[in-house]
């Protein structure tokens, strides 16, 4: 089984890694809270990222759920549950 992970590192000096992007976005988010307390940031962040991730993978696989599930490392049933959550079925 090929367990190859995607390479999100910068191949050119102008590119930013996914990790760096997340760090920058979260720093910006916290800076703009202006003293307000935040809760459930983990769920908030996952909800913000999960839908566009699923959209991109489904487009890449031409809506083939079996291929998408393999790419994401999910069971097909779990993928279908997530697609339903976002109205993508």
PDB file of N, CA and C in Angstrom:
ATOM      1  N   UNK A   1       0.842  -1.177   0.000  1.00  0.00           N
ATOM      2  CA  UNK A   1       0.000   0.000   0.000  1.00  0.00           C
ATOM      3  C   UNK A   1       0.883   1.234   0.000  1.00  0.00           C
ATOM      4  N   UNK A   2       0.653   2.132  -0.911  1.00  0.00           N
ATOM      5  CA  UNK A   2       1.420   3.366  -1.010  1.00  0.00           C
ATOM      6  C   UNK A   2       0.897   4.361   0.007  1.00  0.00           C
ATOM      7  N   UNK A   3       1.756   4.757   0.932  1.00  0.00           N
ATOM      8  CA  UNK A   3       1.357   5.698   1.970  1.00  0.00           C
ATOM      9  C   UNK A   3       2.017   7.042   1.733  1.00  0.00           C
ATOM     10  N   UNK A   4       2.190   7.399   0.483  1.00  0.00           N
ATOM     11  CA  UNK A   4       2.870   8.635   0.115  1.00  0.00           C
ATOM     12  C   UNK A   4       2.056   9.844   0.561  1.00  0.00           C
ATOM     13  N   UNK A   5       2.696  10.735   1.273  1.00  0.00           N
ATOM     14  CA  UNK A   5       2.050  11.952   1.749  1.00  0.00           C
ATOM     15  C   UNK A   5       2.293  13.077   0.755  1.00  0.00           C
ATOM     16  N   UNK A   6       1.336  13.983   0.620  1.00  0.00           N
ATOM     17  CA  UNK A   6       1.523  15.106  -0.295  1.00  0.00           C
ATOM     18  C   UNK A   6       2.643  16.004   0.202  1.00  0.00           C
ATOM     19  N   UNK A   7       3.352  16.589  -0.738  1.00  0.00           N
ATOM     20  CA  UNK A   7       4.424  17.503  -0.403  1.00  0.00           C
ATOM     21  C   UNK A   7       3.891  18.916  -0.506  1.00  0.00           C
ATOM     22  N   UNK A   8       3.651  19.541   0.641  1.00  0.00           N
ATOM     23  CA  UNK A   8       3.136  20.892   0.662  1.00  0.00           C
ATOM     24  C   UNK A   8       4.242  21.909   0.889  1.00  0.00           C
ATOM     25  N   UNK A   9       5.503  21.477   0.777  1.00  0.00           N
ATOM     26  CA  UNK A   9       6.590  22.416   0.996  1.00  0.00           C
ATOM     27  C   UNK A   9       6.764  23.303  -0.228  1.00  0.00           C
ATOM     28  N   UNK A  10       7.366  24.445  -0.013  1.00  0.00           N
ATOM     29  CA  UNK A  10       7.546  25.416  -1.086  1.00  0.00           C
ATOM     30  C   UNK A  10       8.589  24.918  -2.081  1.00  0.00           C
ATOM     31  N   UNK A  11       8.221  24.918  -3.344  1.00  0.00           N
ATOM     32  CA  UNK A  11       9.178  24.538  -4.377  1.00  0.00           C
ATOM     33  C   UNK A  11       9.837  25.772  -4.965  1.00  0.00           C
ATOM     34  N   UNK A  12       9.230  26.900  -4.762  1.00  0.00           N
ATOM     35  CA  UNK A  12       9.808  28.169  -5.188  1.00  0.00           C
ATOM     36  C   UNK A  12       9.761  29.102  -3.992  1.00  0.00           C
ATOM     37  N   UNK A  13      10.644  30.076  -3.940  1.00  0.00           N
ATOM     38  CA  UNK A  13      10.742  30.951  -2.783  1.00  0.00           C
ATOM     39  C   UNK A  13       9.470  31.757  -2.549  1.00  0.00           C
ATOM     40  N   UNK A  14       8.662  32.004  -3.567  1.00  0.00           N
ATOM     41  CA  UNK A  14       7.447  32.806  -3.416  1.00  0.00           C
ATOM     42  C   UNK A  14       6.290  31.997  -2.845  1.00  0.00           C
ATOM     43  N   UNK A  15       6.376  30.669  -2.859  1.00  0.00           N
ATOM     44  CA  UNK A  15       5.288  29.829  -2.367  1.00  0.00           C
ATOM     45  C   UNK A  15       5.342  29.708  -0.853  1.00  0.00           C
ATOM     46  N   UNK A  16       4.179  29.529  -0.252  1.00  0.00           N
ATOM     47  CA  UNK A  16       4.054  29.344   1.187  1.00  0.00           C
ATOM     48  C   UNK A  16       3.490  27.957   1.419  1.00  0.00           C
ATOM     49  N   UNK A  17       4.031  27.245   2.412  1.00  0.00           N
ATOM     50  CA  UNK A  17       3.530  25.905   2.699  1.00  0.00           C
ATOM     51  C   UNK A  17       2.145  25.987   3.334  1.00  0.00           C
ATOM     52  N   UNK A  18       1.433  24.892   3.273  1.00  0.00           N
ATOM     53  CA  UNK A  18       0.123  24.815   3.905  1.00  0.00           C
ATOM     54  C   UNK A  18       0.252  25.105   5.397  1.00  0.00           C
ATOM     55  N   UNK A  19       1.257  24.536   6.028  1.00  0.00           N
ATOM     56  CA  UNK A  19       1.491  24.751   7.456  1.00  0.00           C
ATOM     57  C   UNK A  19       1.717  26.234   7.756  1.00  0.00           C
ATOM     58  N   UNK A  20       2.530  26.890   6.946  1.00  0.00           N
ATOM     59  CA  UNK A  20       2.784  28.325   7.133  1.00  0.00           C
ATOM     60  C   UNK A  20       1.513  29.139   6.919  1.00  0.00           C
ATOM     61  N   UNK A  21       0.730  28.745   5.924  1.00  0.00           N
ATOM     62  CA  UNK A  21      -0.530  29.427   5.656  1.00  0.00           C
ATOM     63  C   UNK A  21      -1.471  29.334   6.853  1.00  0.00           C
ATOM     64  N   UNK A  22      -1.598  28.146   7.424  1.00  0.00           N
ATOM     65  CA  UNK A  22      -2.473  27.948   8.579  1.00  0.00           C
ATOM     66  C   UNK A  22      -1.984  28.801   9.747  1.00  0.00           C
ATOM     67  N   UNK A  23      -0.687  28.807   9.973  1.00  0.00           N
ATOM     68  CA  UNK A  23      -0.123  29.610  11.061  1.00  0.00           C
ATOM     69  C   UNK A  23      -0.446  31.082  10.870  1.00  0.00           C
ATOM     70  N   UNK A  24      -0.263  31.587   9.671  1.00  0.00           N
ATOM     71  CA  UNK A  24      -0.544  32.994   9.392  1.00  0.00           C
ATOM     72  C   UNK A  24      -2.021  33.325   9.577  1.00  0.00           C
ATOM     73  N   UNK A  25      -2.889  32.465   9.075  1.00  0.00           N
ATOM     74  CA  UNK A  25      -4.327  32.705   9.186  1.00  0.00           C
ATOM     75  C   UNK A  25      -4.758  32.701  10.647  1.00  0.00           C
ATOM     76  N   UNK A  26      -4.246  31.757  11.432  1.00  0.00           N
ATOM     77  CA  UNK A  26      -4.632  31.687  12.839  1.00  0.00           C
ATOM     78  C   UNK A  26      -4.071  32.878  13.624  1.00  0.00           C
ATOM     79  N   UNK A  27      -2.873  33.309  13.312  1.00  0.00           N
ATOM     80  CA  UNK A  27      -2.321  34.496  13.965  1.00  0.00           C
ATOM     81  C   UNK A  27      -3.182  35.718  13.655  1.00  0.00           C
ATOM     82  N   UNK A  28      -3.598  35.836  12.422  1.00  0.00           N
ATOM     83  CA  UNK A  28      -4.472  36.939  12.006  1.00  0.00           C
ATOM     84  C   UNK A  28      -5.818  36.847  12.736  1.00  0.00           C
ATOM     85  N   UNK A  29      -6.370  35.655  12.819  1.00  0.00           N
ATOM     86  CA  UNK A  29      -7.646  35.444  13.506  1.00  0.00           C
ATOM     87  C   UNK A  29      -7.546  35.900  14.960  1.00  0.00           C
ATOM     88  N   UNK A  30      -6.502  35.438  15.673  1.00  0.00           N
ATOM     89  CA  UNK A  30      -6.351  35.801  17.080  1.00  0.00           C
ATOM     90  C   UNK A  30      -6.094  37.292  17.255  1.00  0.00           C
ATOM     91  N   UNK A  31      -5.336  37.882  16.348  1.00  0.00           N
ATOM     92  CA  UNK A  31      -5.050  39.314  16.443  1.00  0.00           C
ATOM     93  C   UNK A  31      -6.315  40.148  16.290  1.00  0.00           C
ATOM     94  N   UNK A  32      -7.282  39.648  15.533  1.00  0.00           N
ATOM     95  CA  UNK A  32      -8.512  40.397  15.286  1.00  0.00           C
ATOM     96  C   UNK A  32      -9.631  40.120  16.287  1.00  0.00           C
ATOM     97  N   UNK A  33      -9.366  39.328  17.302  1.00  0.00           N
ATOM     98  CA  UNK A  33     -10.379  39.060  18.323  1.00  0.00           C
ATOM     99  C   UNK A  33     -10.615  40.270  19.217  1.00  0.00           C
ATOM    100  N   UNK A  34      -9.625  41.139  19.321  1.00  0.00           N
ATOM    101  CA  UNK A  34      -9.734  42.381  20.116  1.00  0.00           C
ATOM    102  C   UNK A  34     -10.212  42.099  21.536  1.00  0.00           C
ATOM    103  N   UNK A  35      -9.573  41.109  22.160  1.00  0.00           N
ATOM    104  CA  UNK A  35      -9.871  40.806  23.549  1.00  0.00           C
ATOM    105  C   UNK A  35     -11.028  39.854  23.777  1.00  0.00           C
ATOM    106  N   UNK A  36     -11.787  39.557  22.754  1.00  0.00           N
ATOM    107  CA  UNK A  36     -12.906  38.624  22.920  1.00  0.00           C
ATOM    108  C   UNK A  36     -12.368  37.215  23.123  1.00  0.00           C
ATOM    109  N   UNK A  37     -13.054  36.475  23.983  1.00  0.00           N
ATOM    110  CA  UNK A  37     -12.676  35.088  24.214  1.00  0.00           C
ATOM    111  C   UNK A  37     -13.275  34.224  23.110  1.00  0.00           C
ATOM    112  N   UNK A  38     -12.539  33.247  22.688  1.00  0.00           N
ATOM    113  CA  UNK A  38     -13.043  32.330  21.675  1.00  0.00           C
ATOM    114  C   UNK A  38     -13.099  30.919  22.249  1.00  0.00           C
ATOM    115  N   UNK A  39     -14.026  30.134  21.744  1.00  0.00           N
ATOM    116  CA  UNK A  39     -14.179  28.742  22.187  1.00  0.00           C
ATOM    117  C   UNK A  39     -14.394  27.852  20.965  1.00  0.00           C
ATOM    118  N   UNK A  40     -14.099  26.611  21.168  1.00  0.00           N
ATOM    119  CA  UNK A  40     -14.333  25.586  20.131  1.00  0.00           C
ATOM    120  C   UNK A  40     -13.605  25.912  18.832  1.00  0.00           C
ATOM    121  N   UNK A  41     -12.411  26.439  18.935  1.00  0.00           N
ATOM    122  CA  UNK A  41     -11.634  26.829  17.756  1.00  0.00           C
ATOM    123  C   UNK A  41     -11.283  25.616  16.889  1.00  0.00           C
ATOM    124  N   UNK A  42     -11.075  24.464  17.511  1.00  0.00           N
ATOM    125  CA  UNK A  42     -10.734  23.262  16.763  1.00  0.00           C
ATOM    126  C   UNK A  42     -11.860  22.893  15.802  1.00  0.00           C
ATOM    127  N   UNK A  43     -13.076  22.808  16.311  1.00  0.00           N
ATOM    128  CA  UNK A  43     -14.221  22.470  15.459  1.00  0.00           C
ATOM    129  C   UNK A  43     -14.460  23.549  14.409  1.00  0.00           C
ATOM    130  N   UNK A  44     -14.319  24.808  14.805  1.00  0.00           N
ATOM    131  CA  UNK A  44     -14.483  25.923  13.866  1.00  0.00           C
ATOM    132  C   UNK A  44     -13.490  25.788  12.708  1.00  0.00           C
ATOM    133  N   UNK A  45     -12.239  25.538  13.042  1.00  0.00           N
ATOM    134  CA  UNK A  45     -11.214  25.435  12.009  1.00  0.00           C
ATOM    135  C   UNK A  45     -11.464  24.246  11.095  1.00  0.00           C
ATOM    136  N   UNK A  46     -11.783  23.103  11.682  1.00  0.00           N
ATOM    137  CA  UNK A  46     -12.037  21.917  10.854  1.00  0.00           C
ATOM    138  C   UNK A  46     -13.218  22.133   9.912  1.00  0.00           C
ATOM    139  N   UNK A  47     -14.264  22.777  10.402  1.00  0.00           N
ATOM    140  CA  UNK A  47     -15.413  23.056   9.536  1.00  0.00           C
ATOM    141  C   UNK A  47     -15.024  23.986   8.385  1.00  0.00           C
ATOM    142  N   UNK A  48     -14.149  24.932   8.649  1.00  0.00           N
ATOM    143  CA  UNK A  48     -13.718  25.865   7.609  1.00  0.00           C
ATOM    144  C   UNK A  48     -12.856  25.192   6.545  1.00  0.00           C
ATOM    145  N   UNK A  49     -12.089  24.190   6.944  1.00  0.00           N
ATOM    146  CA  UNK A  49     -11.135  23.545   6.041  1.00  0.00           C
ATOM    147  C   UNK A  49     -11.728  22.317   5.355  1.00  0.00           C
ATOM    148  N   UNK A  50     -12.580  21.596   6.062  1.00  0.00           N
ATOM    149  CA  UNK A  50     -13.055  20.305   5.562  1.00  0.00           C
ATOM    150  C   UNK A  50     -13.854  20.413   4.257  1.00  0.00           C
ATOM    151  N   UNK A  51     -14.766  21.348   4.177  1.00  0.00           N
ATOM    152  CA  UNK A  51     -15.599  21.449   2.974  1.00  0.00           C
ATOM    153  C   UNK A  51     -14.787  21.759   1.717  1.00  0.00           C
ATOM    154  N   UNK A  52     -13.898  22.757   1.727  1.00  0.00           N
ATOM    155  CA  UNK A  52     -13.105  22.987   0.514  1.00  0.00           C
ATOM    156  C   UNK A  52     -12.153  21.827   0.191  1.00  0.00           C
ATOM    157  N   UNK A  53     -11.681  21.125   1.220  1.00  0.00           N
ATOM    158  CA  UNK A  53     -10.850  19.945   0.991  1.00  0.00           C
ATOM    159  C   UNK A  53     -11.649  18.873   0.261  1.00  0.00           C
ATOM    160  N   UNK A  54     -12.849  18.608   0.752  1.00  0.00           N
ATOM    161  CA  UNK A  54     -13.700  17.604   0.108  1.00  0.00           C
ATOM    162  C   UNK A  54     -14.056  18.019  -1.313  1.00  0.00           C
ATOM    163  N   UNK A  55     -14.353  19.292  -1.503  1.00  0.00           N
ATOM    164  CA  UNK A  55     -14.691  19.799  -2.839  1.00  0.00           C
ATOM    165  C   UNK A  55     -13.535  19.569  -3.802  1.00  0.00           C
ATOM    166  N   UNK A  56     -12.326  19.901  -3.369  1.00  0.00           N
ATOM    167  CA  UNK A  56     -11.148  19.748  -4.234  1.00  0.00           C
ATOM    168  C   UNK A  56     -10.881  18.285  -4.564  1.00  0.00           C
ATOM    169  N   UNK A  57     -10.996  17.411  -3.561  1.00  0.00           N
ATOM    170  CA  UNK A  57     -10.728  15.987  -3.799  1.00  0.00           C
ATOM    171  C   UNK A  57     -11.806  15.385  -4.694  1.00  0.00           C
ATOM    172  N   UNK A  58     -13.053  15.753  -4.483  1.00  0.00           N
ATOM    173  CA  UNK A  58     -14.122  15.223  -5.333  1.00  0.00           C
ATOM    174  C   UNK A  58     -13.951  15.698  -6.779  1.00  0.00           C
ATOM    175  N   UNK A  59     -13.542  16.922  -6.955  1.00  0.00           N
ATOM    176  CA  UNK A  59     -13.294  17.421  -8.307  1.00  0.00           C
ATOM    177  C   UNK A  59     -12.127  16.662  -8.938  1.00  0.00           C
ATOM    178  N   UNK A  60     -11.062  16.463  -8.163  1.00  0.00           N
ATOM    179  CA  UNK A  60      -9.873  15.753  -8.660  1.00  0.00           C
ATOM    180  C   UNK A  60     -10.215  14.326  -9.094  1.00  0.00           C
ATOM    181  N   UNK A  61     -11.126  13.687  -8.368  1.00  0.00           N
ATOM    182  CA  UNK A  61     -11.495  12.299  -8.673  1.00  0.00           C
ATOM    183  C   UNK A  61     -12.720  12.200  -9.569  1.00  0.00           C
ATOM    184  N   UNK A  62     -13.162  13.346 -10.080  1.00  0.00           N
ATOM    185  CA  UNK A  62     -14.356  13.395 -10.924  1.00  0.00           C
ATOM    186  C   UNK A  62     -15.539  12.735 -10.227  1.00  0.00           C
ATOM    187  N   UNK A  63     -15.712  13.064  -8.944  1.00  0.00           N
ATOM    188  CA  UNK A  63     -16.795  12.588  -8.090  1.00  0.00           C
ATOM    189  C   UNK A  63     -16.797  11.076  -7.841  1.00  0.00           C
ATOM    190  N   UNK A  64     -15.641  10.450  -7.994  1.00  0.00           N
ATOM    191  CA  UNK A  64     -15.528   9.022  -7.692  1.00  0.00           C
ATOM    192  C   UNK A  64     -15.281   8.880  -6.186  1.00  0.00           C
ATOM    193  N   UNK A  65     -16.306   8.457  -5.466  1.00  0.00           N
ATOM    194  CA  UNK A  65     -16.221   8.386  -4.014  1.00  0.00           C
ATOM    195  C   UNK A  65     -15.202   7.370  -3.518  1.00  0.00           C
ATOM    196  N   UNK A  66     -15.061   6.272  -4.206  1.00  0.00           N
ATOM    197  CA  UNK A  66     -14.082   5.266  -3.784  1.00  0.00           C
ATOM    198  C   UNK A  66     -12.664   5.812  -3.884  1.00  0.00           C
ATOM    199  N   UNK A  67     -12.353   6.472  -4.993  1.00  0.00           N
ATOM    200  CA  UNK A  67     -11.024   7.075  -5.150  1.00  0.00           C
ATOM    201  C   UNK A  67     -10.818   8.188  -4.134  1.00  0.00           C
ATOM    202  N   UNK A  68     -11.827   9.016  -3.939  1.00  0.00           N
ATOM    203  CA  UNK A  68     -11.727  10.125  -2.987  1.00  0.00           C
ATOM    204  C   UNK A  68     -11.481   9.598  -1.579  1.00  0.00           C
ATOM    205  N   UNK A  69     -12.197   8.555  -1.195  1.00  0.00           N
ATOM    206  CA  UNK A  69     -12.020   7.976   0.132  1.00  0.00           C
ATOM    207  C   UNK A  69     -10.597   7.459   0.312  1.00  0.00           C
ATOM    208  N   UNK A  70     -10.058   6.798  -0.709  1.00  0.00           N
ATOM    209  CA  UNK A  70      -8.675   6.303  -0.633  1.00  0.00           C
ATOM    210  C   UNK A  70      -7.693   7.457  -0.491  1.00  0.00           C
ATOM    211  N   UNK A  71      -7.872   8.504  -1.283  1.00  0.00           N
ATOM    212  CA  UNK A  71      -6.982   9.662  -1.222  1.00  0.00           C
ATOM    213  C   UNK A  71      -7.009  10.296   0.166  1.00  0.00           C
ATOM    214  N   UNK A  72      -8.201  10.401   0.731  1.00  0.00           N
ATOM    215  CA  UNK A  72      -8.368  11.048   2.034  1.00  0.00           C
ATOM    216  C   UNK A  72      -8.033  10.135   3.209  1.00  0.00           C
ATOM    217  N   UNK A  73      -7.925   8.837   2.947  1.00  0.00           N
ATOM    218  CA  UNK A  73      -7.665   7.894   4.024  1.00  0.00           C
ATOM    219  C   UNK A  73      -8.888   7.656   4.894  1.00  0.00           C
ATOM    220  N   UNK A  74     -10.066   7.737   4.278  1.00  0.00           N
ATOM    221  CA  UNK A  74     -11.336   7.532   4.969  1.00  0.00           C
ATOM    222  C   UNK A  74     -12.029   6.308   4.396  1.00  0.00           C
ATOM    223  N   UNK A  75     -12.955   5.764   5.164  1.00  0.00           N
ATOM    224  CA  UNK A  75     -13.813   4.740   4.580  1.00  0.00           C
ATOM    225  C   UNK A  75     -14.809   5.454   3.667  1.00  0.00           C
ATOM    226  N   UNK A  76     -15.360   4.725   2.726  1.00  0.00           N
ATOM    227  CA  UNK A  76     -16.333   5.331   1.822  1.00  0.00           C
ATOM    228  C   UNK A  76     -17.566   5.803   2.593  1.00  0.00           C
ATOM    229  N   UNK A  77     -17.960   5.054   3.611  1.00  0.00           N
ATOM    230  CA  UNK A  77     -19.100   5.446   4.435  1.00  0.00           C
ATOM    231  C   UNK A  77     -18.857   6.758   5.171  1.00  0.00           C
ATOM    232  N   UNK A  78     -17.663   6.916   5.719  1.00  0.00           N
ATOM    233  CA  UNK A  78     -17.314   8.164   6.404  1.00  0.00           C
ATOM    234  C   UNK A  78     -17.299   9.321   5.416  1.00  0.00           C
ATOM    235  N   UNK A  79     -16.751   9.072   4.234  1.00  0.00           N
ATOM    236  CA  UNK A  79     -16.746  10.119   3.212  1.00  0.00           C
ATOM    237  C   UNK A  79     -18.170  10.533   2.866  1.00  0.00           C
ATOM    238  N   UNK A  80     -19.049   9.558   2.666  1.00  0.00           N
ATOM    239  CA  UNK A  80     -20.445   9.874   2.333  1.00  0.00           C
ATOM    240  C   UNK A  80     -21.111  10.691   3.439  1.00  0.00           C
ATOM    241  N   UNK A  81     -20.834  10.362   4.687  1.00  0.00           N
ATOM    242  CA  UNK A  81     -21.379  11.121   5.817  1.00  0.00           C
ATOM    243  C   UNK A  81     -20.907  12.571   5.757  1.00  0.00           C
ATOM    244  N   UNK A  82     -19.634  12.772   5.473  1.00  0.00           N
ATOM    245  CA  UNK A  82     -19.088  14.132   5.379  1.00  0.00           C
ATOM    246  C   UNK A  82     -19.656  14.865   4.181  1.00  0.00           C
ATOM    247  N   UNK A  83     -19.814  14.189   3.063  1.00  0.00           N
ATOM    248  CA  UNK A  83     -20.395  14.833   1.881  1.00  0.00           C
ATOM    249  C   UNK A  83     -21.846  15.246   2.149  1.00  0.00           C
ATOM    250  N   UNK A  84     -22.578  14.411   2.867  1.00  0.00           N
ATOM    251  CA  UNK A  84     -23.958  14.750   3.227  1.00  0.00           C
ATOM    252  C   UNK A  84     -23.994  15.962   4.152  1.00  0.00           C
ATOM    253  N   UNK A  85     -23.068  16.020   5.093  1.00  0.00           N
ATOM    254  CA  UNK A  85     -22.999  17.127   6.044  1.00  0.00           C
ATOM    255  C   UNK A  85     -22.922  18.469   5.310  1.00  0.00           C
ATOM    256  N   UNK A  86     -22.204  18.509   4.186  1.00  0.00           N
ATOM    257  CA  UNK A  86     -22.003  19.749   3.443  1.00  0.00           C
ATOM    258  C   UNK A  86     -22.921  19.861   2.220  1.00  0.00           C
ATOM    259  N   UNK A  87     -23.901  18.960   2.125  1.00  0.00           N
ATOM    260  CA  UNK A  87     -24.849  19.020   1.007  1.00  0.00           C
ATOM    261  C   UNK A  87     -24.208  18.738  -0.334  1.00  0.00           C
ATOM    262  N   UNK A  88     -23.226  17.865  -0.346  1.00  0.00           N
ATOM    263  CA  UNK A  88     -22.473  17.575  -1.568  1.00  0.00           C
ATOM    264  C   UNK A  88     -22.911  16.280  -2.240  1.00  0.00           C
ATOM    265  N   UNK A  89     -23.984  15.674  -1.774  1.00  0.00           N
ATOM    266  CA  UNK A  89     -24.501  14.451  -2.415  1.00  0.00           C
ATOM    267  C   UNK A  89     -25.776  14.751  -3.154  1.00  0.00           C
TER     268      UNK A  89
END
